[in-house]
C-alpha cells in the first residue's frame, strides 16, 4: 500500500515539474545509461547547450519491478532524448516524458543490458 502512495506522490511531483518547465528551451540529448533498482529507474543523460556538454539524471518511481523494467527499456543507451533546461542555469535540466519519442519495439526487445 505504501508503494502506491509513494508512486502517487511521485506522479504529482512529476506533473508539477513538467508544468513548471513547459516553457524551458529544449536541447537534443542522449541516454548514457539506465539502471533499475527495485521499483525505481535511474536514467543518466547528456546534452549540449552553447557548445558545453552537460549531464543530468532522471529518476522515476514505478509501481513495481516489472513496470520499472518496462519503463527502463524505453531508454536505450545512445538513444536520442529531448532535454528541457533552465535558460538561466543550463545545468538545471529535466526529461519530460511527453517530449520523448518511443523507440521501436525491435530496439527495446534486443537492447543490451
Protein backbone atom coordinates (compact mmCIF):
# COMPACT_ATOMS: atom_id res chain seq x y z
CA UNK A 1 0.00 0.00 0.00
CA UNK A 2 2.84 2.44 0.84
CA UNK A 3 4.35 1.80 -2.59
CA UNK A 4 1.19 3.09 -4.24
CA UNK A 5 1.18 6.22 -2.05
CA UNK A 6 4.81 6.83 -2.93
CA UNK A 7 4.07 6.36 -6.62
CA UNK A 8 1.13 8.81 -6.46
CA UNK A 9 3.23 11.43 -4.68
CA UNK A 10 5.99 10.97 -7.27
CA UNK A 11 3.41 11.35 -10.08
CA UNK A 12 2.15 14.63 -8.59
CA UNK A 13 5.69 15.96 -8.25
CA UNK A 14 6.44 14.94 -11.86
CA UNK A 15 3.26 16.66 -13.08
CA UNK A 16 4.16 19.89 -11.26
CA UNK A 17 7.76 19.77 -12.54
CA UNK A 18 6.58 19.19 -16.12
CA UNK A 19 4.10 22.07 -15.82
CA UNK A 20 6.73 24.40 -14.34
CA UNK A 21 9.28 23.62 -17.07
CA UNK A 22 6.93 23.59 -20.08
CA UNK A 23 8.40 26.85 -21.45
CA UNK A 24 12.06 25.98 -20.89
CA UNK A 25 14.21 25.71 -24.03
CA UNK A 26 15.00 22.24 -25.34
CA UNK A 27 18.22 20.59 -26.42
CA UNK A 28 19.00 17.32 -28.12
CA UNK A 29 20.45 14.83 -25.68
CA UNK A 30 21.19 11.15 -25.45
CA UNK A 31 20.80 8.35 -22.95
CA UNK A 32 24.06 7.41 -21.29
CA UNK A 33 22.77 4.62 -19.01
CA UNK A 34 19.71 3.22 -17.29
CA UNK A 35 19.60 1.35 -14.01
CA UNK A 36 16.67 -0.36 -12.33
CA UNK A 37 16.70 -0.64 -8.56
CA UNK A 38 13.59 -2.25 -7.14
CA UNK A 39 10.66 -0.22 -8.45
CA UNK A 40 12.80 2.77 -9.41
CA UNK A 41 14.59 3.68 -12.65
CA UNK A 42 17.60 5.99 -12.80
CA UNK A 43 18.44 7.37 -16.23
CA UNK A 44 21.70 9.24 -16.84
CA UNK A 45 21.78 11.50 -19.89
CA UNK A 46 23.96 14.08 -21.60
CA UNK A 47 23.12 17.13 -23.70
CA UNK A 48 24.85 20.13 -25.22
CA UNK A 49 23.98 23.82 -24.76
CA UNK A 50 26.16 26.58 -26.25
CA UNK A 51 28.90 24.05 -27.04
CA UNK A 52 29.03 22.87 -23.40
CA UNK A 53 28.41 19.20 -22.69
CA UNK A 54 26.22 18.74 -19.63
CA UNK A 55 24.80 15.72 -17.85
CA UNK A 56 21.70 15.02 -15.82
CA UNK A 57 19.81 12.31 -14.00
CA UNK A 58 16.17 11.38 -14.42
CA UNK A 59 14.77 9.33 -11.53
CA UNK A 60 11.38 7.66 -11.93
CA UNK A 61 9.43 5.64 -9.36
CA UNK A 62 7.20 2.87 -10.67
CA UNK A 63 4.55 0.71 -9.02
CA UNK A 64 6.63 -2.47 -9.13
CA UNK A 65 9.79 -4.02 -10.56
CA UNK A 66 8.03 -5.20 -13.74
CA UNK A 67 6.80 -1.70 -14.63
CA UNK A 68 10.26 -0.31 -13.80
CA UNK A 69 11.85 -2.82 -16.18
CA UNK A 70 9.34 -1.89 -18.90
CA UNK A 71 9.97 1.83 -18.39
CA UNK A 72 13.75 1.36 -18.49
CA UNK A 73 13.50 -0.47 -21.82
CA UNK A 74 12.30 2.79 -23.40
CA UNK A 75 15.69 4.38 -22.72
CA UNK A 76 18.36 2.61 -24.71
CA UNK A 77 21.94 3.86 -24.29
CA UNK A 78 22.85 6.30 -27.10
CA UNK A 79 19.13 6.81 -27.88
CA UNK A 80 18.14 10.44 -28.56
CA UNK A 81 16.28 12.43 -25.93
CA UNK A 82 14.71 15.85 -25.76
CA UNK A 83 16.04 17.67 -22.72
CA UNK A 84 14.43 20.75 -21.20
CA UNK A 85 16.89 23.07 -19.47
CA UNK A 86 16.65 26.27 -17.48
CA UNK A 87 17.68 29.21 -19.67
CA UNK A 88 19.32 30.92 -16.69
CA UNK A 89 21.09 27.79 -15.42
CA UNK A 90 21.84 25.36 -18.25
CA UNK A 91 22.90 22.63 -15.82
CA UNK A 92 19.34 22.54 -14.40
CA UNK A 93 17.54 20.11 -16.71
CA UNK A 94 14.66 17.66 -16.88
CA UNK A 95 13.41 14.83 -19.05
CA UNK A 96 9.70 15.31 -19.76
CA UNK A 97 8.19 12.02 -20.86
CA UNK A 98 5.71 13.65 -23.27
CA UNK A 99 8.64 15.16 -25.23
CA UNK A 100 10.22 11.79 -25.98
CA UNK A 101 9.85 9.53 -28.98
CA UNK A 102 9.44 5.92 -28.00
CA UNK A 103 11.95 3.54 -29.59
CA UNK A 104 10.54 0.87 -31.88
CA UNK A 105 9.65 -2.49 -30.33
CA UNK A 106 12.58 -4.25 -32.03
CA UNK A 107 15.01 -1.83 -30.36
CA UNK A 108 13.62 -2.36 -26.87
CA UNK A 109 13.44 -6.11 -27.30
CA UNK A 110 17.08 -6.53 -28.27
CA UNK A 111 18.79 -3.92 -26.15
CA UNK A 112 21.97 -4.80 -24.32
CA UNK A 113 21.77 -4.53 -20.54
